[in-house]
PDB file of N, CA and C in Angstrom:
ATOM      1  N   MET A   1     -44.062  71.616  40.880  1.00  0.00           N
ATOM      2  CA  MET A   1     -44.465  72.892  41.435  1.00  0.00           C
ATOM      3  C   MET A   1     -44.269  72.918  42.945  1.00  0.00           C
ATOM      4  N   LYS A   2     -44.440  71.780  43.593  1.00  0.00           N
ATOM      5  CA  LYS A   2     -44.259  71.734  45.040  1.00  0.00           C
ATOM      6  C   LYS A   2     -42.805  71.991  45.424  1.00  0.00           C
ATOM      7  N   ASN A   3     -41.884  71.530  44.568  1.00  0.00           N
ATOM      8  CA  ASN A   3     -40.469  71.759  44.857  1.00  0.00           C
ATOM      9  C   ASN A   3     -40.129  73.241  44.854  1.00  0.00           C
ATOM     10  N   ILE A   4     -40.741  73.986  43.949  1.00  0.00           N
ATOM     11  CA  ILE A   4     -40.483  75.426  43.879  1.00  0.00           C
ATOM     12  C   ILE A   4     -40.956  76.103  45.150  1.00  0.00           C
ATOM     13  N   ARG A   5     -42.093  75.701  45.652  1.00  0.00           N
ATOM     14  CA  ARG A   5     -42.626  76.310  46.875  1.00  0.00           C
ATOM     15  C   ARG A   5     -41.725  76.045  48.068  1.00  0.00           C
ATOM     16  N   LEU A   6     -41.004  74.951  48.044  1.00  0.00           N
ATOM     17  CA  LEU A   6     -40.081  74.659  49.135  1.00  0.00           C
ATOM     18  C   LEU A   6     -38.792  75.462  49.017  1.00  0.00           C
ATOM     19  N   TYR A   7     -38.305  75.639  47.800  1.00  0.00           N
ATOM     20  CA  TYR A   7     -37.008  76.271  47.606  1.00  0.00           C
ATOM     21  C   TYR A   7     -37.056  77.793  47.523  1.00  0.00           C
ATOM     22  N   LEU A   8     -38.148  78.370  47.060  1.00  0.00           N
ATOM     23  CA  LEU A   8     -38.206  79.822  46.902  1.00  0.00           C
ATOM     24  C   LEU A   8     -38.018  80.584  48.211  1.00  0.00           C
ATOM     25  N   PRO A   9     -38.685  80.215  49.300  1.00  0.00           N
ATOM     26  CA  PRO A   9     -38.428  80.950  50.552  1.00  0.00           C
ATOM     27  C   PRO A   9     -36.971  80.856  50.996  1.00  0.00           C
ATOM     28  N   VAL A  10     -36.379  79.687  50.828  1.00  0.00           N
ATOM     29  CA  VAL A  10     -34.969  79.527  51.198  1.00  0.00           C
ATOM     30  C   VAL A  10     -34.095  80.401  50.313  1.00  0.00           C
ATOM     31  N   LEU A  11     -34.398  80.447  49.025  1.00  0.00           N
ATOM     32  CA  LEU A  11     -33.632  81.276  48.094  1.00  0.00           C
ATOM     33  C   LEU A  11     -33.755  82.752  48.441  1.00  0.00           C
ATOM     34  N   PHE A  12     -34.972  83.208  48.746  1.00  0.00           N
ATOM     35  CA  PHE A  12     -35.175  84.617  49.085  1.00  0.00           C
ATOM     36  C   PHE A  12     -34.469  84.996  50.379  1.00  0.00           C
ATOM     37  N   VAL A  13     -34.497  84.117  51.373  1.00  0.00           N
ATOM     38  CA  VAL A  13     -33.794  84.399  52.629  1.00  0.00           C
ATOM     39  C   VAL A  13     -32.295  84.442  52.381  1.00  0.00           C
ATOM     40  N   LEU A  14     -31.786  83.511  51.605  1.00  0.00           N
ATOM     41  CA  LEU A  14     -30.357  83.494  51.290  1.00  0.00           C
ATOM     42  C   LEU A  14     -29.941  84.758  50.553  1.00  0.00           C
ATOM     43  N   MET A  15     -30.748  85.190  49.591  1.00  0.00           N
ATOM     44  CA  MET A  15     -30.432  86.413  48.857  1.00  0.00           C
ATOM     45  C   MET A  15     -30.510  87.634  49.764  1.00  0.00           C
ATOM     46  N   ALA A  16     -31.496  87.667  50.656  1.00  0.00           N
ATOM     47  CA  ALA A  16     -31.643  88.810  51.559  1.00  0.00           C
ATOM     48  C   ALA A  16     -30.472  88.909  52.521  1.00  0.00           C
ATOM     49  N   VAL A  17     -29.978  87.770  52.979  1.00  0.00           N
ATOM     50  CA  VAL A  17     -28.858  87.776  53.921  1.00  0.00           C
ATOM     51  C   VAL A  17     -27.559  88.144  53.222  1.00  0.00           C
ATOM     52  N   THR A  18     -27.350  87.622  52.026  1.00  0.00           N
ATOM     53  CA  THR A  18     -26.065  87.833  51.363  1.00  0.00           C
ATOM     54  C   THR A  18     -25.988  89.122  50.565  1.00  0.00           C
ATOM     55  N   MET A  19     -27.119  89.682  50.143  1.00  0.00           N
ATOM     56  CA  MET A  19     -27.082  90.848  49.268  1.00  0.00           C
ATOM     57  C   MET A  19     -27.658  92.109  49.896  1.00  0.00           C
ATOM     58  N   SER A  20     -27.809  92.150  51.199  1.00  0.00           N
ATOM     59  CA  SER A  20     -28.480  93.296  51.806  1.00  0.00           C
ATOM     60  C   SER A  20     -27.515  94.379  52.281  1.00  0.00           C
ATOM     61  N   SER A  21     -26.256  94.170  52.156  1.00  0.00           N
ATOM     62  CA  SER A  21     -25.291  95.106  52.714  1.00  0.00           C
ATOM     63  C   SER A  21     -24.981  96.235  51.740  1.00  0.00           C
ATOM     64  N   CYS A  22     -25.250  97.449  52.176  1.00  0.00           N
ATOM     65  CA  CYS A  22     -24.910  98.620  51.356  1.00  0.00           C
ATOM     66  C   CYS A  22     -23.393  98.775  51.249  1.00  0.00           C
ATOM     67  N   GLU A  23     -22.691  98.323  52.270  1.00  0.00           N
ATOM     68  CA  GLU A  23     -21.233  98.399  52.244  1.00  0.00           C
ATOM     69  C   GLU A  23     -20.675  97.532  51.116  1.00  0.00           C
ATOM     70  N   LEU A  24     -21.245  96.366  50.920  1.00  0.00           N
ATOM     71  CA  LEU A  24     -20.809  95.485  49.840  1.00  0.00           C
ATOM     72  C   LEU A  24     -21.014  96.147  48.484  1.00  0.00           C
ATOM     73  N   ILE A  25     -22.168  96.750  48.289  1.00  0.00           N
ATOM     74  CA  ILE A  25     -22.459  97.432  47.023  1.00  0.00           C
ATOM     75  C   ILE A  25     -21.471  98.574  46.801  1.00  0.00           C
ATOM     76  N   GLY A  26     -21.200  99.338  47.851  1.00  0.00           N
ATOM     77  CA  GLY A  26     -20.246 100.441  47.744  1.00  0.00           C
ATOM     78  C   GLY A  26     -18.855  99.960  47.384  1.00  0.00           C
ATOM     79  N   ASP A  27     -18.430  98.853  48.003  1.00  0.00           N
ATOM     80  CA  ASP A  27     -17.107  98.306  47.704  1.00  0.00           C
ATOM     81  C   ASP A  27     -17.016  97.802  46.270  1.00  0.00           C
ATOM     82  N   ILE A  28     -18.092  97.212  45.777  1.00  0.00           N
ATOM     83  CA  ILE A  28     -18.090  96.734  44.393  1.00  0.00           C
ATOM     84  C   ILE A  28     -17.925  97.905  43.430  1.00  0.00           C
ATOM     85  N   PHE A  29     -18.644  99.002  43.684  1.00  0.00           N
ATOM     86  CA  PHE A  29     -18.531 100.150  42.786  1.00  0.00           C
ATOM     87  C   PHE A  29     -17.197 100.871  42.952  1.00  0.00           C
ATOM     88  N   LYS A  30     -16.584 100.802  44.129  1.00  0.00           N
ATOM     89  CA  LYS A  30     -15.241 101.362  44.296  1.00  0.00           C
ATOM     90  C   LYS A  30     -14.222 100.572  43.487  1.00  0.00           C
ATOM     91  N   ALA A  31     -14.448  99.274  43.334  1.00  0.00           N
ATOM     92  CA  ALA A  31     -13.526  98.439  42.565  1.00  0.00           C
ATOM     93  C   ALA A  31     -13.545  98.807  41.090  1.00  0.00           C
ATOM     94  N   GLY A  32     -14.607  99.414  40.646  1.00  0.00           N
ATOM     95  CA  GLY A  32     -14.675  99.846  39.255  1.00  0.00           C
ATOM     96  C   GLY A  32     -16.017  99.543  38.639  1.00  0.00           C
ATOM     97  N   MET A  33     -16.372 100.339  37.675  1.00  0.00           N
ATOM     98  CA  MET A  33     -17.671 100.190  37.029  1.00  0.00           C
ATOM     99  C   MET A  33     -17.771  98.872  36.273  1.00  0.00           C
ATOM    100  N   TRP A  34     -16.703  98.459  35.596  1.00  0.00           N
ATOM    101  CA  TRP A  34     -16.745  97.205  34.851  1.00  0.00           C
ATOM    102  C   TRP A  34     -16.876  96.017  35.790  1.00  0.00           C
ATOM    103  N   THR A  35     -16.203  96.065  36.919  1.00  0.00           N
ATOM    104  CA  THR A  35     -16.312  94.989  37.904  1.00  0.00           C
ATOM    105  C   THR A  35     -17.741  94.890  38.412  1.00  0.00           C
ATOM    106  N   ALA A  36     -18.341  96.033  38.717  1.00  0.00           N
ATOM    107  CA  ALA A  36     -19.727  96.048  39.194  1.00  0.00           C
ATOM    108  C   ALA A  36     -20.666  95.509  38.118  1.00  0.00           C
ATOM    109  N   LEU A  37     -20.449  95.896  36.884  1.00  0.00           N
ATOM    110  CA  LEU A  37     -21.300  95.433  35.789  1.00  0.00           C
ATOM    111  C   LEU A  37     -21.192  93.925  35.614  1.00  0.00           C
ATOM    112  N   ILE A  38     -19.986  93.395  35.678  1.00  0.00           N
ATOM    113  CA  ILE A  38     -19.784  91.949  35.540  1.00  0.00           C
ATOM    114  C   ILE A  38     -20.464  91.200  36.678  1.00  0.00           C
ATOM    115  N   ILE A  39     -20.332  91.697  37.904  1.00  0.00           N
ATOM    116  CA  ILE A  39     -20.954  91.034  39.052  1.00  0.00           C
ATOM    117  C   ILE A  39     -22.475  91.077  38.937  1.00  0.00           C
ATOM    118  N   ILE A  40     -23.030  92.198  38.521  1.00  0.00           N
ATOM    119  CA  ILE A  40     -24.483  92.309  38.363  1.00  0.00           C
ATOM    120  C   ILE A  40     -24.979  91.347  37.290  1.00  0.00           C
ATOM    121  N   VAL A  41     -24.273  91.259  36.172  1.00  0.00           N
ATOM    122  CA  VAL A  41     -24.667  90.337  35.104  1.00  0.00           C
ATOM    123  C   VAL A  41     -24.596  88.893  35.597  1.00  0.00           C
ATOM    124  N   LEU A  42     -23.564  88.554  36.360  1.00  0.00           N
ATOM    125  CA  LEU A  42     -23.445  87.200  36.897  1.00  0.00           C
ATOM    126  C   LEU A  42     -24.584  86.873  37.856  1.00  0.00           C
ATOM    127  N   ILE A  43     -24.967  87.815  38.701  1.00  0.00           N
ATOM    128  CA  ILE A  43     -26.064  87.581  39.642  1.00  0.00           C
ATOM    129  C   ILE A  43     -27.376  87.389  38.892  1.00  0.00           C
ATOM    130  N   VAL A  44     -27.629  88.227  37.888  1.00  0.00           N
ATOM    131  CA  VAL A  44     -28.862  88.095  37.102  1.00  0.00           C
ATOM    132  C   VAL A  44     -28.873  86.760  36.360  1.00  0.00           C
ATOM    133  N   ALA A  45     -27.731  86.353  35.811  1.00  0.00           N
ATOM    134  CA  ALA A  45     -27.651  85.068  35.112  1.00  0.00           C
ATOM    135  C   ALA A  45     -27.879  83.910  36.079  1.00  0.00           C
ATOM    136  N   LEU A  46     -27.337  84.002  37.281  1.00  0.00           N
ATOM    137  CA  LEU A  46     -27.526  82.955  38.288  1.00  0.00           C
ATOM    138  C   LEU A  46     -28.991  82.832  38.688  1.00  0.00           C
ATOM    139  N   VAL A  47     -29.646  83.951  38.910  1.00  0.00           N
ATOM    140  CA  VAL A  47     -31.065  83.927  39.278  1.00  0.00           C
ATOM    141  C   VAL A  47     -31.893  83.361  38.129  1.00  0.00           C
ATOM    142  N   GLY A  48     -31.600  83.758  36.897  1.00  0.00           N
ATOM    143  CA  GLY A  48     -32.311  83.216  35.740  1.00  0.00           C
ATOM    144  C   GLY A  48     -32.105  81.723  35.591  1.00  0.00           C
ATOM    145  N   TRP A  49     -30.880  81.270  35.813  1.00  0.00           N
ATOM    146  CA  TRP A  49     -30.583  79.846  35.728  1.00  0.00           C
ATOM    147  C   TRP A  49     -31.326  79.073  36.814  1.00  0.00           C
ATOM    148  N   LEU A  50     -31.355  79.624  38.028  1.00  0.00           N
ATOM    149  CA  LEU A  50     -32.067  78.954  39.117  1.00  0.00           C
ATOM    150  C   LEU A  50     -33.559  78.843  38.822  1.00  0.00           C
ATOM    151  N   PHE A  51     -34.162  79.910  38.304  1.00  0.00           N
ATOM    152  CA  PHE A  51     -35.581  79.854  37.968  1.00  0.00           C
ATOM    153  C   PHE A  51     -35.847  78.847  36.854  1.00  0.00           C
ATOM    154  N   SER A  52     -34.948  78.759  35.879  1.00  0.00           N
ATOM    155  CA  SER A  52     -35.154  77.795  34.801  1.00  0.00           C
ATOM    156  C   SER A  52     -35.019  76.365  35.315  1.00  0.00           C
ATOM    157  N   ARG A  53     -34.147  76.140  36.285  1.00  0.00           N
ATOM    158  CA  ARG A  53     -33.984  74.807  36.872  1.00  0.00           C
ATOM    159  C   ARG A  53     -35.212  74.407  37.679  1.00  0.00           C
ATOM    160  N   PHE A  54     -35.828  75.354  38.375  1.00  0.00           N
ATOM    161  CA  PHE A  54     -36.976  75.039  39.217  1.00  0.00           C
ATOM    162  C   PHE A  54     -38.259  74.877  38.412  1.00  0.00           C
ATOM    163  N   ARG A  55     -38.319  75.425  37.218  1.00  0.00           N
ATOM    164  CA  ARG A  55     -39.528  75.312  36.398  1.00  0.00           C
ATOM    165  C   ARG A  55     -39.710  73.911  35.844  1.00  0.00           C
ATOM    166  N   ARG A  56     -38.647  73.169  35.694  1.00  0.00           N
ATOM    167  CA  ARG A  56     -38.728  71.815  35.129  1.00  0.00           C
ATOM    168  C   ARG A  56     -39.302  70.922  36.126  1.00  0.00           C
TER     169      ARG A  56
END
C-alpha cells in the first residue's frame, strides 16, 4: 500500500501534463472517430493495467 501512495501522485502529474492539451484532443478527433476510439480504449486499458499492478 505504501508503494501506491508513492506512485499515484507521480502518475497523476504525468497524466495531467501529457493529457491536458485541448489541441491534442482536437487533433485526435480530426484524425477520425475510429482513431480516437482506439486511443481512448488504449488509455483506459493502460490505466486499468497500472492500477492492477499497484494493487498487488
